[in-house]
Amino acid sequence: MQADFCRAHVFQTFLWKVVEHAAKLVAGDPREETTEVGPLVRLSEAERVETWIKEAVDGGAKLVAGGERKGSVITPAILTATKPGMKIRDEEVFGPVVCIEPYEDFEQALADVNHSKYGLQGRPAHRDANRILTAYANLKWAR
């Protein structure tokens, strides 16, 4: 029970640190010096990303922060509780979106990342350097 609490605590702490950081990012007009997250290349791309976020939420994912669209600008979106088969998780979003998921089984976590045909979103983080090396050796970064 204590180990489960610790894992859940580590996940929640990491998640909220990412949320805090994302909340500080300025989304808007790229001509403004303070803008850190600019618009997507076309309005249709922003609408697509917005649709993928909504589809994920409708499918049970939790939108923890962001994801609001104003024209072609989308505030950085943070999702969790995504599942294989969701576009937001399986496809390359090309938008300001991150999916953060906890795991209980390290090998299953690697398999979940490898489920996507894109490996660009997978970044191993672990206190055990051997696990990080295992991840780099086993993740399919590009196909």
C-alpha atoms as a PDB file:
ATOM      1  CA  MET A   1       0.000   0.000   0.000  1.00  0.00           C
ATOM      2  CA  GLN A   2       2.807   2.446   0.878  1.00  0.00           C
ATOM      3  CA  ALA A   3       4.556   1.857  -2.490  1.00  0.00           C
ATOM      4  CA  ASP A   4       1.292   2.536  -4.344  1.00  0.00           C
ATOM      5  CA  PHE A   5       0.892   5.801  -2.444  1.00  0.00           C
ATOM      6  CA  CYS A   6       4.477   6.801  -3.262  1.00  0.00           C
ATOM      7  CA  ARG A   7       4.015   6.092  -6.988  1.00  0.00           C
ATOM      8  CA  ALA A   8       0.748   8.015  -7.040  1.00  0.00           C
ATOM      9  CA  HIS A   9       2.368  10.890  -5.156  1.00  0.00           C
ATOM     10  CA  VAL A  10       5.316  11.022  -7.583  1.00  0.00           C
ATOM     11  CA  PHE A  11       2.939  11.045 -10.563  1.00  0.00           C
ATOM     12  CA  GLN A  12       0.728  13.778  -9.085  1.00  0.00           C
ATOM     13  CA  THR A  13       3.736  15.895  -8.094  1.00  0.00           C
ATOM     14  CA  PHE A  14       5.228  15.645 -11.583  1.00  0.00           C
ATOM     15  CA  LEU A  15       1.879  16.307 -13.252  1.00  0.00           C
ATOM     16  CA  TRP A  16       1.229  19.449 -11.212  1.00  0.00           C
ATOM     17  CA  LYS A  17       4.739  20.770 -11.828  1.00  0.00           C
ATOM     18  CA  VAL A  18       4.106  20.446 -15.574  1.00  0.00           C
ATOM     19  CA  VAL A  19       0.711  22.152 -15.150  1.00  0.00           C
ATOM     20  CA  GLU A  20       2.338  25.008 -13.193  1.00  0.00           C
ATOM     21  CA  HIS A  21       4.976  25.462 -15.890  1.00  0.00           C
ATOM     22  CA  ALA A  22       2.465  25.340 -18.747  1.00  0.00           C
ATOM     23  CA  ALA A  23       0.249  27.907 -17.018  1.00  0.00           C
ATOM     24  CA  LYS A  24       3.112  30.399 -17.186  1.00  0.00           C
ATOM     25  CA  LEU A  25       3.558  30.003 -20.961  1.00  0.00           C
ATOM     26  CA  VAL A  26       2.171  32.886 -22.983  1.00  0.00           C
ATOM     27  CA  ALA A  27       0.128  31.735 -25.978  1.00  0.00           C
ATOM     28  CA  GLY A  28      -0.717  34.243 -28.661  1.00  0.00           C
ATOM     29  CA  ASP A  29       0.515  36.395 -31.485  1.00  0.00           C
ATOM     30  CA  PRO A  30       4.078  35.504 -32.546  1.00  0.00           C
ATOM     31  CA  ARG A  31       4.759  39.166 -33.281  1.00  0.00           C
ATOM     32  CA  GLU A  32       4.492  39.873 -29.550  1.00  0.00           C
ATOM     33  CA  GLU A  33       7.828  39.525 -27.787  1.00  0.00           C
ATOM     34  CA  THR A  34       6.249  37.768 -24.793  1.00  0.00           C
ATOM     35  CA  THR A  35       4.609  35.009 -26.869  1.00  0.00           C
ATOM     36  CA  GLU A  36       6.064  31.556 -26.211  1.00  0.00           C
ATOM     37  CA  VAL A  37       3.369  29.418 -27.869  1.00  0.00           C
ATOM     38  CA  GLY A  38       2.314  30.750 -31.236  1.00  0.00           C
ATOM     39  CA  PRO A  39      -0.510  29.779 -33.574  1.00  0.00           C
ATOM     40  CA  LEU A  40      -0.685  26.576 -35.539  1.00  0.00           C
ATOM     41  CA  VAL A  41       0.118  26.902 -39.237  1.00  0.00           C
ATOM     42  CA  ARG A  42      -3.553  27.004 -40.320  1.00  0.00           C
ATOM     43  CA  LEU A  43      -6.914  27.444 -38.634  1.00  0.00           C
ATOM     44  CA  SER A  44      -7.877  23.960 -39.850  1.00  0.00           C
ATOM     45  CA  GLU A  45      -4.918  22.487 -37.934  1.00  0.00           C
ATOM     46  CA  ALA A  46      -5.960  24.245 -34.724  1.00  0.00           C
ATOM     47  CA  GLU A  47      -9.516  22.942 -35.217  1.00  0.00           C
ATOM     48  CA  ARG A  48      -8.126  19.416 -35.746  1.00  0.00           C
ATOM     49  CA  VAL A  49      -6.097  19.557 -32.527  1.00  0.00           C
ATOM     50  CA  GLU A  50      -9.123  20.914 -30.664  1.00  0.00           C
ATOM     51  CA  THR A  51     -11.227  18.056 -32.069  1.00  0.00           C
ATOM     52  CA  TRP A  52      -8.659  15.435 -31.019  1.00  0.00           C
ATOM     53  CA  ILE A  53      -8.613  16.856 -27.492  1.00  0.00           C
ATOM     54  CA  LYS A  54     -12.425  16.771 -27.317  1.00  0.00           C
ATOM     55  CA  GLU A  55     -12.524  13.217 -28.724  1.00  0.00           C
ATOM     56  CA  ALA A  56     -10.052  12.094 -26.046  1.00  0.00           C
ATOM     57  CA  VAL A  57     -12.069  13.726 -23.255  1.00  0.00           C
ATOM     58  CA  ASP A  58     -15.285  12.210 -24.623  1.00  0.00           C
ATOM     59  CA  GLY A  59     -13.470   8.847 -24.566  1.00  0.00           C
ATOM     60  CA  GLY A  60     -12.523   9.142 -20.889  1.00  0.00           C
ATOM     61  CA  ALA A  61      -9.294  11.151 -20.927  1.00  0.00           C
ATOM     62  CA  LYS A  62      -8.923  13.961 -18.418  1.00  0.00           C
ATOM     63  CA  LEU A  63      -7.975  17.414 -19.662  1.00  0.00           C
ATOM     64  CA  VAL A  64      -5.937  18.665 -16.722  1.00  0.00           C
ATOM     65  CA  ALA A  65      -5.065  22.072 -18.155  1.00  0.00           C
ATOM     66  CA  GLY A  66      -5.201  24.176 -21.313  1.00  0.00           C
ATOM     67  CA  GLY A  67      -6.629  23.107 -24.620  1.00  0.00           C
ATOM     68  CA  GLU A  68      -8.615  26.285 -25.229  1.00  0.00           C
ATOM     69  CA  ARG A  69      -8.610  27.489 -28.843  1.00  0.00           C
ATOM     70  CA  LYS A  70      -8.805  31.096 -29.936  1.00  0.00           C
ATOM     71  CA  GLY A  71      -8.440  31.250 -33.699  1.00  0.00           C
ATOM     72  CA  SER A  72      -5.312  29.283 -34.590  1.00  0.00           C
ATOM     73  CA  VAL A  73      -3.852  29.467 -31.084  1.00  0.00           C
ATOM     74  CA  ILE A  74      -4.325  26.629 -28.595  1.00  0.00           C
ATOM     75  CA  THR A  75      -3.180  26.975 -25.013  1.00  0.00           C
ATOM     76  CA  PRO A  76      -0.804  24.157 -23.998  1.00  0.00           C
ATOM     77  CA  ALA A  77      -2.992  21.133 -23.250  1.00  0.00           C
ATOM     78  CA  ILE A  78      -2.125  18.520 -20.644  1.00  0.00           C
ATOM     79  CA  LEU A  79      -4.065  15.273 -20.673  1.00  0.00           C
ATOM     80  CA  THR A  80      -3.978  12.122 -18.614  1.00  0.00           C
ATOM     81  CA  ALA A  81      -6.021   8.897 -18.534  1.00  0.00           C
ATOM     82  CA  THR A  82      -5.605   8.536 -22.290  1.00  0.00           C
ATOM     83  CA  LYS A  83      -5.919   5.093 -23.836  1.00  0.00           C
ATOM     84  CA  PRO A  84      -4.385   3.304 -26.817  1.00  0.00           C
ATOM     85  CA  GLY A  85      -6.564   3.966 -29.836  1.00  0.00           C
ATOM     86  CA  MET A  86      -7.068   7.649 -29.051  1.00  0.00           C
ATOM     87  CA  LYS A  87      -5.688   9.888 -31.793  1.00  0.00           C
ATOM     88  CA  ILE A  88      -4.266  12.243 -29.170  1.00  0.00           C
ATOM     89  CA  ARG A  89      -2.113   9.365 -27.915  1.00  0.00           C
ATOM     90  CA  ASP A  90      -1.440   7.308 -31.043  1.00  0.00           C
ATOM     91  CA  GLU A  91      -0.934   9.970 -33.693  1.00  0.00           C
ATOM     92  CA  GLU A  92       1.526  12.859 -33.924  1.00  0.00           C
ATOM     93  CA  VAL A  93      -0.502  15.857 -32.776  1.00  0.00           C
ATOM     94  CA  PHE A  94       1.703  18.658 -34.121  1.00  0.00           C
ATOM     95  CA  GLY A  95       0.234  20.989 -31.542  1.00  0.00           C
ATOM     96  CA  PRO A  96       0.843  22.117 -27.957  1.00  0.00           C
ATOM     97  CA  VAL A  97      -0.369  18.895 -26.315  1.00  0.00           C
ATOM     98  CA  VAL A  98       1.253  16.502 -23.867  1.00  0.00           C
ATOM     99  CA  CYS A  99      -0.164  13.240 -22.499  1.00  0.00           C
ATOM    100  CA  ILE A 100       1.237  12.243 -19.120  1.00  0.00           C
ATOM    101  CA  GLU A 101       0.497   8.751 -17.853  1.00  0.00           C
ATOM    102  CA  PRO A 102       1.515   6.831 -14.733  1.00  0.00           C
ATOM    103  CA  TYR A 103       2.584   3.225 -14.957  1.00  0.00           C
ATOM    104  CA  GLU A 104       2.890   0.259 -12.643  1.00  0.00           C
ATOM    105  CA  ASP A 105       4.821  -2.065 -14.947  1.00  0.00           C
ATOM    106  CA  PHE A 106       7.937  -0.686 -16.658  1.00  0.00           C
ATOM    107  CA  GLU A 107       7.870  -3.119 -19.570  1.00  0.00           C
ATOM    108  CA  GLN A 108       4.175  -2.363 -20.175  1.00  0.00           C
ATOM    109  CA  ALA A 109       4.979   1.352 -20.207  1.00  0.00           C
ATOM    110  CA  LEU A 110       7.566   0.756 -22.945  1.00  0.00           C
ATOM    111  CA  ALA A 111       5.056  -1.350 -24.893  1.00  0.00           C
ATOM    112  CA  ASP A 112       2.454   1.432 -24.588  1.00  0.00           C
ATOM    113  CA  VAL A 113       4.867   3.997 -26.014  1.00  0.00           C
ATOM    114  CA  ASN A 114       5.806   1.594 -28.811  1.00  0.00           C
ATOM    115  CA  HIS A 115       2.107   1.167 -29.651  1.00  0.00           C
ATOM    116  CA  SER A 116       2.247   4.431 -31.598  1.00  0.00           C
ATOM    117  CA  LYS A 117       3.870   4.445 -35.014  1.00  0.00           C
ATOM    118  CA  TYR A 118       5.609   7.658 -33.898  1.00  0.00           C
ATOM    119  CA  GLY A 119       8.251   7.664 -31.191  1.00  0.00           C
ATOM    120  CA  LEU A 120       8.738  11.392 -30.971  1.00  0.00           C
ATOM    121  CA  GLN A 121       6.655  11.845 -27.832  1.00  0.00           C
ATOM    122  CA  GLY A 122       8.378   9.191 -25.732  1.00  0.00           C
ATOM    123  CA  ARG A 123      10.880  10.501 -23.205  1.00  0.00           C
ATOM    124  CA  PRO A 124      12.024   8.181 -20.429  1.00  0.00           C
ATOM    125  CA  ALA A 125      12.331   9.578 -16.929  1.00  0.00           C
ATOM    126  CA  HIS A 126      13.260   7.364 -14.032  1.00  0.00           C
ATOM    127  CA  ARG A 127      15.522   7.497 -10.989  1.00  0.00           C
ATOM    128  CA  ASP A 128      17.140   4.206 -12.084  1.00  0.00           C
ATOM    129  CA  ALA A 129      19.714   4.880 -14.829  1.00  0.00           C
ATOM    130  CA  ASN A 130      19.522   1.242 -15.963  1.00  0.00           C
ATOM    131  CA  ARG A 131      15.812   1.657 -16.682  1.00  0.00           C
ATOM    132  CA  ILE A 132      16.515   4.772 -18.735  1.00  0.00           C
ATOM    133  CA  LEU A 133      19.152   2.866 -20.739  1.00  0.00           C
ATOM    134  CA  THR A 134      16.684  -0.009 -21.187  1.00  0.00           C
ATOM    135  CA  ALA A 135      14.078   2.439 -22.427  1.00  0.00           C
ATOM    136  CA  TYR A 136      16.450   3.990 -24.953  1.00  0.00           C
ATOM    137  CA  ALA A 137      17.451   0.534 -26.154  1.00  0.00           C
ATOM    138  CA  ASN A 138      13.860  -0.703 -26.519  1.00  0.00           C
ATOM    139  CA  LEU A 139      11.779   2.266 -27.580  1.00  0.00           C
ATOM    140  CA  LYS A 140      11.098   2.468 -31.291  1.00  0.00           C
ATOM    141  CA  TRP A 141      11.965   6.113 -31.881  1.00  0.00           C
ATOM    142  CA  ALA A 142      11.170   6.181 -35.585  1.00  0.00           C
ATOM    143  CA  ARG A 143       9.767   3.677 -38.011  1.00  0.00           C
END
